[in-house]
Amino acid sequence: MTDPSARTGPHTETVSAASADRARCIRWMLIGAFVGIFGPIAGFLGGTIVDADQLIGGLEPLFVWLFLGMLVGGVGVCVGIIGALRWVKGNYHLE
């Protein structure tokens, strides 16, 4: 007979590895949400702090900083979505 402990496959990973991957997915979702929320806010704050009399490439600094904050926030949302997709793909929501 074959030893069931010698089986290898996708369902034989250890409990600690599964919980570490689950924690990583949740961490990605939280970091993505945090960056997605506070990226544009930080961009707006940075734009209001800089001198509003100067133009950067013909654009006001508030617009430039807010645009950069929106880009950073978009990257954060993408990271959060990737974390959520990994969490769903790993079936951690069913445990």
PDB file of N, CA and C in Angstrom:
ATOM      1  N   MET A   1       0.828  -1.182   0.000  1.00  0.00           N
ATOM      2  CA  MET A   1       0.000   0.000   0.000  1.00  0.00           C
ATOM      3  C   MET A   1       0.876   1.252   0.000  1.00  0.00           C
ATOM      4  N   THR A   2       0.332   2.298  -0.480  1.00  0.00           N
ATOM      5  CA  THR A   2       1.078   3.554  -0.493  1.00  0.00           C
ATOM      6  C   THR A   2       0.824   4.317   0.790  1.00  0.00           C
ATOM      7  N   ASP A   3       1.841   5.023   1.187  1.00  0.00           N
ATOM      8  CA  ASP A   3       1.761   5.825   2.404  1.00  0.00           C
ATOM      9  C   ASP A   3       1.057   7.143   2.083  1.00  0.00           C
ATOM     10  N   PRO A   4      -0.069   7.477   2.750  1.00  0.00           N
ATOM     11  CA  PRO A   4      -0.766   8.727   2.425  1.00  0.00           C
ATOM     12  C   PRO A   4       0.036   9.970   2.774  1.00  0.00           C
ATOM     13  N   SER A   5       0.995   9.846   3.685  1.00  0.00           N
ATOM     14  CA  SER A   5       1.796  11.021   4.024  1.00  0.00           C
ATOM     15  C   SER A   5       2.838  11.320   2.954  1.00  0.00           C
ATOM     16  N   ALA A   6       3.087  10.364   2.040  1.00  0.00           N
ATOM     17  CA  ALA A   6       4.083  10.570   0.990  1.00  0.00           C
ATOM     18  C   ALA A   6       3.480  11.184  -0.262  1.00  0.00           C
ATOM     19  N   ARG A   7       2.193  11.430  -0.265  1.00  0.00           N
ATOM     20  CA  ARG A   7       1.556  12.016  -1.443  1.00  0.00           C
ATOM     21  C   ARG A   7       2.037  13.444  -1.653  1.00  0.00           C
ATOM     22  N   THR A   8       2.161  13.791  -2.892  1.00  0.00           N
ATOM     23  CA  THR A   8       2.495  15.169  -3.235  1.00  0.00           C
ATOM     24  C   THR A   8       1.428  15.686  -4.165  1.00  0.00           C
ATOM     25  N   GLY A   9       1.152  16.943  -4.064  1.00  0.00           N
ATOM     26  CA  GLY A   9       0.139  17.541  -4.915  1.00  0.00           C
ATOM     27  C   GLY A   9      -0.245  18.902  -4.373  1.00  0.00           C
ATOM     28  N   PRO A  10      -1.198  19.532  -5.025  1.00  0.00           N
ATOM     29  CA  PRO A  10      -1.553  20.896  -4.621  1.00  0.00           C
ATOM     30  C   PRO A  10      -2.258  20.969  -3.274  1.00  0.00           C
ATOM     31  N   HIS A  11      -2.846  19.854  -2.808  1.00  0.00           N
ATOM     32  CA  HIS A  11      -3.608  19.899  -1.565  1.00  0.00           C
ATOM     33  C   HIS A  11      -2.812  19.396  -0.372  1.00  0.00           C
ATOM     34  N   THR A  12      -1.520  19.144  -0.525  1.00  0.00           N
ATOM     35  CA  THR A  12      -0.729  18.603   0.568  1.00  0.00           C
ATOM     36  C   THR A  12       0.178  19.641   1.204  1.00  0.00           C
ATOM     37  N   GLU A  13      -0.050  20.910   0.939  1.00  0.00           N
ATOM     38  CA  GLU A  13       0.802  21.913   1.554  1.00  0.00           C
ATOM     39  C   GLU A  13       0.506  21.987   3.048  1.00  0.00           C
ATOM     40  N   THR A  14       1.467  22.424   3.799  1.00  0.00           N
ATOM     41  CA  THR A  14       1.309  22.447   5.245  1.00  0.00           C
ATOM     42  C   THR A  14       0.366  23.557   5.671  1.00  0.00           C
ATOM     43  N   VAL A  15      -0.115  23.428   6.884  1.00  0.00           N
ATOM     44  CA  VAL A  15      -1.057  24.415   7.414  1.00  0.00           C
ATOM     45  C   VAL A  15      -0.371  25.757   7.596  1.00  0.00           C
ATOM     46  N   SER A  16       0.890  25.744   8.020  1.00  0.00           N
ATOM     47  CA  SER A  16       1.586  27.012   8.229  1.00  0.00           C
ATOM     48  C   SER A  16       1.827  27.742   6.912  1.00  0.00           C
ATOM     49  N   ALA A  17       2.090  27.004   5.838  1.00  0.00           N
ATOM     50  CA  ALA A  17       2.280  27.651   4.534  1.00  0.00           C
ATOM     51  C   ALA A  17       0.972  28.243   4.040  1.00  0.00           C
ATOM     52  N   ALA A  18      -0.135  27.539   4.269  1.00  0.00           N
ATOM     53  CA  ALA A  18      -1.439  28.053   3.845  1.00  0.00           C
ATOM     54  C   ALA A  18      -1.815  29.295   4.634  1.00  0.00           C
ATOM     55  N   SER A  19      -1.564  29.280   5.935  1.00  0.00           N
ATOM     56  CA  SER A  19      -1.907  30.461   6.735  1.00  0.00           C
ATOM     57  C   SER A  19      -0.990  31.629   6.406  1.00  0.00           C
ATOM     58  N   ALA A  20       0.264  31.355   6.058  1.00  0.00           N
ATOM     59  CA  ALA A  20       1.169  32.439   5.671  1.00  0.00           C
ATOM     60  C   ALA A  20       0.734  33.056   4.354  1.00  0.00           C
ATOM     61  N   ASP A  21       0.290  32.221   3.404  1.00  0.00           N
ATOM     62  CA  ASP A  21      -0.182  32.751   2.127  1.00  0.00           C
ATOM     63  C   ASP A  21      -1.486  33.512   2.315  1.00  0.00           C
ATOM     64  N   ARG A  22      -2.355  33.021   3.198  1.00  0.00           N
ATOM     65  CA  ARG A  22      -3.603  33.722   3.490  1.00  0.00           C
ATOM     66  C   ARG A  22      -3.307  35.087   4.110  1.00  0.00           C
ATOM     67  N   ALA A  23      -2.354  35.131   5.034  1.00  0.00           N
ATOM     68  CA  ALA A  23      -1.983  36.403   5.657  1.00  0.00           C
ATOM     69  C   ALA A  23      -1.381  37.351   4.629  1.00  0.00           C
ATOM     70  N   ARG A  24      -0.613  36.812   3.686  1.00  0.00           N
ATOM     71  CA  ARG A  24      -0.020  37.648   2.645  1.00  0.00           C
ATOM     72  C   ARG A  24      -1.109  38.255   1.765  1.00  0.00           C
ATOM     73  N   CYS A  25      -2.122  37.470   1.430  1.00  0.00           N
ATOM     74  CA  CYS A  25      -3.223  37.982   0.600  1.00  0.00           C
ATOM     75  C   CYS A  25      -3.988  39.082   1.324  1.00  0.00           C
ATOM     76  N   ILE A  26      -4.267  38.864   2.593  1.00  0.00           N
ATOM     77  CA  ILE A  26      -4.986  39.877   3.372  1.00  0.00           C
ATOM     78  C   ILE A  26      -4.131  41.125   3.507  1.00  0.00           C
ATOM     79  N   ARG A  27      -2.829  40.943   3.709  1.00  0.00           N
ATOM     80  CA  ARG A  27      -1.921  42.082   3.820  1.00  0.00           C
ATOM     81  C   ARG A  27      -1.912  42.887   2.526  1.00  0.00           C
ATOM     82  N   TRP A  28      -1.897  42.220   1.379  1.00  0.00           N
ATOM     83  CA  TRP A  28      -1.927  42.920   0.085  1.00  0.00           C
ATOM     84  C   TRP A  28      -3.218  43.704  -0.069  1.00  0.00           C
ATOM     85  N   MET A  29      -4.341  43.106   0.361  1.00  0.00           N
ATOM     86  CA  MET A  29      -5.619  43.816   0.250  1.00  0.00           C
ATOM     87  C   MET A  29      -5.636  45.058   1.132  1.00  0.00           C
ATOM     88  N   LEU A  30      -5.131  44.939   2.355  1.00  0.00           N
ATOM     89  CA  LEU A  30      -5.129  46.085   3.267  1.00  0.00           C
ATOM     90  C   LEU A  30      -4.183  47.182   2.795  1.00  0.00           C
ATOM     91  N   ILE A  31      -2.998  46.806   2.350  1.00  0.00           N
ATOM     92  CA  ILE A  31      -2.049  47.804   1.847  1.00  0.00           C
ATOM     93  C   ILE A  31      -2.609  48.484   0.607  1.00  0.00           C
ATOM     94  N   GLY A  32      -3.207  47.711  -0.286  1.00  0.00           N
ATOM     95  CA  GLY A  32      -3.805  48.293  -1.489  1.00  0.00           C
ATOM     96  C   GLY A  32      -4.924  49.258  -1.166  1.00  0.00           C
ATOM     97  N   ALA A  33      -5.771  48.899  -0.200  1.00  0.00           N
ATOM     98  CA  ALA A  33      -6.861  49.799   0.195  1.00  0.00           C
ATOM     99  C   ALA A  33      -6.312  51.065   0.838  1.00  0.00           C
ATOM    100  N   PHE A  34      -5.301  50.917   1.695  1.00  0.00           N
ATOM    101  CA  PHE A  34      -4.706  52.073   2.365  1.00  0.00           C
ATOM    102  C   PHE A  34      -4.081  53.025   1.350  1.00  0.00           C
ATOM    103  N   VAL A  35      -3.300  52.496   0.424  1.00  0.00           N
ATOM    104  CA  VAL A  35      -2.654  53.344  -0.585  1.00  0.00           C
ATOM    105  C   VAL A  35      -3.691  53.926  -1.538  1.00  0.00           C
ATOM    106  N   GLY A  36      -4.706  53.138  -1.882  1.00  0.00           N
ATOM    107  CA  GLY A  36      -5.751  53.629  -2.774  1.00  0.00           C
ATOM    108  C   GLY A  36      -6.552  54.774  -2.180  1.00  0.00           C
ATOM    109  N   ILE A  37      -6.737  54.755  -0.866  1.00  0.00           N
ATOM    110  CA  ILE A  37      -7.487  55.830  -0.206  1.00  0.00           C
ATOM    111  C   ILE A  37      -6.607  57.048   0.039  1.00  0.00           C
ATOM    112  N   PHE A  38      -5.413  56.815   0.576  1.00  0.00           N
ATOM    113  CA  PHE A  38      -4.597  57.942   1.014  1.00  0.00           C
ATOM    114  C   PHE A  38      -3.648  58.488  -0.048  1.00  0.00           C
ATOM    115  N   GLY A  39      -3.490  57.813  -1.183  1.00  0.00           N
ATOM    116  CA  GLY A  39      -2.648  58.336  -2.264  1.00  0.00           C
ATOM    117  C   GLY A  39      -3.164  59.658  -2.812  1.00  0.00           C
ATOM    118  N   PRO A  40      -4.425  59.731  -3.238  1.00  0.00           N
ATOM    119  CA  PRO A  40      -4.951  61.011  -3.732  1.00  0.00           C
ATOM    120  C   PRO A  40      -5.017  62.096  -2.653  1.00  0.00           C
ATOM    121  N   ILE A  41      -5.284  61.692  -1.419  1.00  0.00           N
ATOM    122  CA  ILE A  41      -5.319  62.679  -0.328  1.00  0.00           C
ATOM    123  C   ILE A  41      -3.931  63.267  -0.118  1.00  0.00           C
ATOM    124  N   ALA A  42      -2.905  62.417  -0.142  1.00  0.00           N
ATOM    125  CA  ALA A  42      -1.535  62.910   0.005  1.00  0.00           C
ATOM    126  C   ALA A  42      -1.140  63.776  -1.184  1.00  0.00           C
ATOM    127  N   GLY A  43      -1.597  63.423  -2.383  1.00  0.00           N
ATOM    128  CA  GLY A  43      -1.320  64.257  -3.555  1.00  0.00           C
ATOM    129  C   GLY A  43      -1.955  65.623  -3.438  1.00  0.00           C
ATOM    130  N   PHE A  44      -3.187  65.673  -2.965  1.00  0.00           N
ATOM    131  CA  PHE A  44      -3.857  66.959  -2.771  1.00  0.00           C
ATOM    132  C   PHE A  44      -3.148  67.782  -1.700  1.00  0.00           C
ATOM    133  N   LEU A  45      -2.733  67.125  -0.620  1.00  0.00           N
ATOM    134  CA  LEU A  45      -2.012  67.822   0.447  1.00  0.00           C
ATOM    135  C   LEU A  45      -0.678  68.351  -0.062  1.00  0.00           C
ATOM    136  N   GLY A  46       0.053  67.540  -0.826  1.00  0.00           N
ATOM    137  CA  GLY A  46       1.328  68.001  -1.386  1.00  0.00           C
ATOM    138  C   GLY A  46       1.139  69.152  -2.346  1.00  0.00           C
ATOM    139  N   GLY A  47       0.061  69.122  -3.125  1.00  0.00           N
ATOM    140  CA  GLY A  47      -0.210  70.212  -4.060  1.00  0.00           C
ATOM    141  C   GLY A  47      -0.568  71.508  -3.367  1.00  0.00           C
ATOM    142  N   THR A  48      -1.220  71.429  -2.217  1.00  0.00           N
ATOM    143  CA  THR A  48      -1.554  72.658  -1.494  1.00  0.00           C
ATOM    144  C   THR A  48      -0.363  73.210  -0.732  1.00  0.00           C
ATOM    145  N   ILE A  49       0.607  72.363  -0.413  1.00  0.00           N
ATOM    146  CA  ILE A  49       1.775  72.830   0.338  1.00  0.00           C
ATOM    147  C   ILE A  49       2.744  73.596  -0.555  1.00  0.00           C
ATOM    148  N   VAL A  50       2.942  73.142  -1.799  1.00  0.00           N
ATOM    149  CA  VAL A  50       3.918  73.788  -2.676  1.00  0.00           C
ATOM    150  C   VAL A  50       3.419  75.167  -3.096  1.00  0.00           C
ATOM    151  N   ASP A  51       4.335  75.952  -3.616  1.00  0.00           N
ATOM    152  CA  ASP A  51       4.015  77.321  -4.019  1.00  0.00           C
ATOM    153  C   ASP A  51       3.079  77.301  -5.224  1.00  0.00           C
ATOM    154  N   ALA A  52       1.918  77.905  -5.098  1.00  0.00           N
ATOM    155  CA  ALA A  52       0.905  77.871  -6.155  1.00  0.00           C
ATOM    156  C   ALA A  52       1.143  78.922  -7.231  1.00  0.00           C
ATOM    157  N   ASP A  53       2.142  79.793  -7.065  1.00  0.00           N
ATOM    158  CA  ASP A  53       2.398  80.829  -8.057  1.00  0.00           C
ATOM    159  C   ASP A  53       3.200  80.309  -9.246  1.00  0.00           C
ATOM    160  N   GLN A  54       3.929  79.226  -9.064  1.00  0.00           N
ATOM    161  CA  GLN A  54       4.759  78.700 -10.142  1.00  0.00           C
ATOM    162  C   GLN A  54       3.992  77.632 -10.915  1.00  0.00           C
ATOM    163  N   LEU A  55       4.285  77.566 -12.214  1.00  0.00           N
ATOM    164  CA  LEU A  55       3.673  76.551 -13.056  1.00  0.00           C
ATOM    165  C   LEU A  55       4.706  75.480 -13.390  1.00  0.00           C
ATOM    166  N   ILE A  56       4.278  74.246 -13.437  1.00  0.00           N
ATOM    167  CA  ILE A  56       5.152  73.128 -13.788  1.00  0.00           C
ATOM    168  C   ILE A  56       4.717  72.632 -15.157  1.00  0.00           C
ATOM    169  N   GLY A  57       5.480  72.964 -16.185  1.00  0.00           N
ATOM    170  CA  GLY A  57       5.122  72.559 -17.543  1.00  0.00           C
ATOM    171  C   GLY A  57       3.803  73.149 -17.997  1.00  0.00           C
ATOM    172  N   GLY A  58       3.475  74.334 -17.548  1.00  0.00           N
ATOM    173  CA  GLY A  58       2.222  74.979 -17.915  1.00  0.00           C
ATOM    174  C   GLY A  58       1.035  74.541 -17.074  1.00  0.00           C
ATOM    175  N   LEU A  59       1.275  73.702 -16.075  1.00  0.00           N
ATOM    176  CA  LEU A  59       0.198  73.203 -15.217  1.00  0.00           C
ATOM    177  C   LEU A  59       0.397  73.697 -13.789  1.00  0.00           C
ATOM    178  N   GLU A  60      -0.688  73.856 -13.083  1.00  0.00           N
ATOM    179  CA  GLU A  60      -0.591  74.262 -11.685  1.00  0.00           C
ATOM    180  C   GLU A  60      -0.086  73.092 -10.845  1.00  0.00           C
ATOM    181  N   PRO A  61       0.693  73.393  -9.799  1.00  0.00           N
ATOM    182  CA  PRO A  61       1.239  72.318  -8.962  1.00  0.00           C
ATOM    183  C   PRO A  61       0.161  71.469  -8.289  1.00  0.00           C
ATOM    184  N   LEU A  62      -0.962  72.081  -7.948  1.00  0.00           N
ATOM    185  CA  LEU A  62      -2.033  71.311  -7.319  1.00  0.00           C
ATOM    186  C   LEU A  62      -2.513  70.195  -8.247  1.00  0.00           C
ATOM    187  N   PHE A  63      -2.660  70.518  -9.528  1.00  0.00           N
ATOM    188  CA  PHE A  63      -3.087  69.507 -10.498  1.00  0.00           C
ATOM    189  C   PHE A  63      -2.041  68.411 -10.647  1.00  0.00           C
ATOM    190  N   VAL A  64      -0.772  68.808 -10.737  1.00  0.00           N
ATOM    191  CA  VAL A  64       0.302  67.827 -10.932  1.00  0.00           C
ATOM    192  C   VAL A  64       0.375  66.879  -9.745  1.00  0.00           C
ATOM    193  N   TRP A  65       0.365  67.430  -8.538  1.00  0.00           N
ATOM    194  CA  TRP A  65       0.457  66.598  -7.341  1.00  0.00           C
ATOM    195  C   TRP A  65      -0.770  65.705  -7.187  1.00  0.00           C
ATOM    196  N   LEU A  66      -1.952  66.245  -7.467  1.00  0.00           N
ATOM    197  CA  LEU A  66      -3.163  65.436  -7.362  1.00  0.00           C
ATOM    198  C   LEU A  66      -3.159  64.320  -8.407  1.00  0.00           C
ATOM    199  N   PHE A  67      -2.671  64.619  -9.606  1.00  0.00           N
ATOM    200  CA  PHE A  67      -2.579  63.595 -10.644  1.00  0.00           C
ATOM    201  C   PHE A  67      -1.618  62.483 -10.225  1.00  0.00           C
ATOM    202  N   LEU A  68      -0.471  62.860  -9.659  1.00  0.00           N
ATOM    203  CA  LEU A  68       0.480  61.854  -9.177  1.00  0.00           C
ATOM    204  C   LEU A  68      -0.129  61.032  -8.041  1.00  0.00           C
ATOM    205  N   GLY A  69      -0.879  61.698  -7.167  1.00  0.00           N
ATOM    206  CA  GLY A  69      -1.559  60.977  -6.092  1.00  0.00           C
ATOM    207  C   GLY A  69      -2.592  60.000  -6.625  1.00  0.00           C
ATOM    208  N   MET A  70      -3.280  60.394  -7.702  1.00  0.00           N
ATOM    209  CA  MET A  70      -4.253  59.490  -8.311  1.00  0.00           C
ATOM    210  C   MET A  70      -3.555  58.283  -8.943  1.00  0.00           C
ATOM    211  N   LEU A  71      -2.395  58.497  -9.548  1.00  0.00           N
ATOM    212  CA  LEU A  71      -1.642  57.374 -10.113  1.00  0.00           C
ATOM    213  C   LEU A  71      -1.187  56.407  -9.019  1.00  0.00           C
ATOM    214  N   VAL A  72      -0.678  56.958  -7.919  1.00  0.00           N
ATOM    215  CA  VAL A  72      -0.255  56.115  -6.800  1.00  0.00           C
ATOM    216  C   VAL A  72      -1.458  55.373  -6.220  1.00  0.00           C
ATOM    217  N   GLY A  73      -2.588  56.064  -6.094  1.00  0.00           N
ATOM    218  CA  GLY A  73      -3.797  55.418  -5.604  1.00  0.00           C
ATOM    219  C   GLY A  73      -4.273  54.314  -6.528  1.00  0.00           C
ATOM    220  N   GLY A  74      -4.148  54.518  -7.834  1.00  0.00           N
ATOM    221  CA  GLY A  74      -4.524  53.481  -8.795  1.00  0.00           C
ATOM    222  C   GLY A  74      -3.653  52.245  -8.677  1.00  0.00           C
ATOM    223  N   VAL A  75      -2.362  52.452  -8.452  1.00  0.00           N
ATOM    224  CA  VAL A  75      -1.464  51.317  -8.238  1.00  0.00           C
ATOM    225  C   VAL A  75      -1.857  50.583  -6.958  1.00  0.00           C
ATOM    226  N   GLY A  76      -2.206  51.342  -5.925  1.00  0.00           N
ATOM    227  CA  GLY A  76      -2.652  50.721  -4.676  1.00  0.00           C
ATOM    228  C   GLY A  76      -3.906  49.890  -4.856  1.00  0.00           C
ATOM    229  N   VAL A  77      -4.845  50.385  -5.634  1.00  0.00           N
ATOM    230  CA  VAL A  77      -6.073  49.630  -5.899  1.00  0.00           C
ATOM    231  C   VAL A  77      -5.747  48.351  -6.667  1.00  0.00           C
ATOM    232  N   CYS A  78      -4.826  48.425  -7.614  1.00  0.00           N
ATOM    233  CA  CYS A  78      -4.418  47.225  -8.360  1.00  0.00           C
ATOM    234  C   CYS A  78      -3.792  46.190  -7.431  1.00  0.00           C
ATOM    235  N   VAL A  79      -2.966  46.636  -6.496  1.00  0.00           N
ATOM    236  CA  VAL A  79      -2.363  45.716  -5.528  1.00  0.00           C
ATOM    237  C   VAL A  79      -3.447  45.070  -4.671  1.00  0.00           C
ATOM    238  N   GLY A  80      -4.422  45.860  -4.241  1.00  0.00           N
ATOM    239  CA  GLY A  80      -5.521  45.304  -3.454  1.00  0.00           C
ATOM    240  C   GLY A  80      -6.343  44.293  -4.232  1.00  0.00           C
ATOM    241  N   ILE A  81      -6.587  44.563  -5.500  1.00  0.00           N
ATOM    242  CA  ILE A  81      -7.350  43.624  -6.333  1.00  0.00           C
ATOM    243  C   ILE A  81      -6.566  42.335  -6.545  1.00  0.00           C
ATOM    244  N   ILE A  82      -5.257  42.446  -6.748  1.00  0.00           N
ATOM    245  CA  ILE A  82      -4.430  41.245  -6.905  1.00  0.00           C
ATOM    246  C   ILE A  82      -4.467  40.410  -5.627  1.00  0.00           C
ATOM    247  N   GLY A  83      -4.386  41.060  -4.478  1.00  0.00           N
ATOM    248  CA  GLY A  83      -4.485  40.334  -3.215  1.00  0.00           C
ATOM    249  C   GLY A  83      -5.825  39.647  -3.053  1.00  0.00           C
ATOM    250  N   ALA A  84      -6.904  40.323  -3.438  1.00  0.00           N
ATOM    251  CA  ALA A  84      -8.235  39.723  -3.333  1.00  0.00           C
ATOM    252  C   ALA A  84      -8.383  38.542  -4.287  1.00  0.00           C
ATOM    253  N   LEU A  85      -7.846  38.669  -5.492  1.00  0.00           N
ATOM    254  CA  LEU A  85      -7.930  37.563  -6.447  1.00  0.00           C
ATOM    255  C   LEU A  85      -7.124  36.356  -5.981  1.00  0.00           C
ATOM    256  N   ARG A  86      -5.971  36.601  -5.386  1.00  0.00           N
ATOM    257  CA  ARG A  86      -5.178  35.491  -4.854  1.00  0.00           C
ATOM    258  C   ARG A  86      -5.891  34.822  -3.688  1.00  0.00           C
ATOM    259  N   TRP A  87      -6.574  35.626  -2.878  1.00  0.00           N
ATOM    260  CA  TRP A  87      -7.308  35.091  -1.737  1.00  0.00           C
ATOM    261  C   TRP A  87      -8.462  34.210  -2.204  1.00  0.00           C
ATOM    262  N   VAL A  88      -9.192  34.669  -3.216  1.00  0.00           N
ATOM    263  CA  VAL A  88     -10.311  33.891  -3.744  1.00  0.00           C
ATOM    264  C   VAL A  88      -9.803  32.642  -4.471  1.00  0.00           C
ATOM    265  N   LYS A  89      -8.719  32.786  -5.217  1.00  0.00           N
ATOM    266  CA  LYS A  89      -8.176  31.640  -5.951  1.00  0.00           C
ATOM    267  C   LYS A  89      -7.677  30.555  -5.003  1.00  0.00           C
ATOM    268  N   GLY A  90      -7.169  30.944  -3.856  1.00  0.00           N
ATOM    269  CA  GLY A  90      -6.678  29.972  -2.886  1.00  0.00           C
ATOM    270  C   GLY A  90      -7.768  29.348  -2.043  1.00  0.00           C
ATOM    271  N   ASN A  91      -9.028  29.728  -2.267  1.00  0.00           N
ATOM    272  CA  ASN A  91     -10.176  29.200  -1.521  1.00  0.00           C
ATOM    273  C   ASN A  91     -10.055  29.432  -0.015  1.00  0.00           C
ATOM    274  N   TYR A  92      -9.401  30.511   0.382  1.00  0.00           N
ATOM    275  CA  TYR A  92      -9.275  30.808   1.800  1.00  0.00           C
ATOM    276  C   TYR A  92     -10.574  31.336   2.379  1.00  0.00           C
ATOM    277  N   HIS A  93     -11.448  31.855   1.525  1.00  0.00           N
ATOM    278  CA  HIS A  93     -12.716  32.379   2.008  1.00  0.00           C
ATOM    279  C   HIS A  93     -13.684  31.257   2.381  1.00  0.00           C
ATOM    280  N   LEU A  94     -13.377  30.021   2.019  1.00  0.00           N
ATOM    281  CA  LEU A  94     -14.251  28.898   2.319  1.00  0.00           C
ATOM    282  C   LEU A  94     -13.914  28.232   3.642  1.00  0.00           C
ATOM    283  N   GLU A  95     -12.780  28.562   4.243  1.00  0.00           N
ATOM    284  CA  GLU A  95     -12.364  27.912   5.490  1.00  0.00           C
ATOM    285  C   GLU A  95     -13.000  28.558   6.688  1.00  0.00           C
TER     286      GLU A  95
END
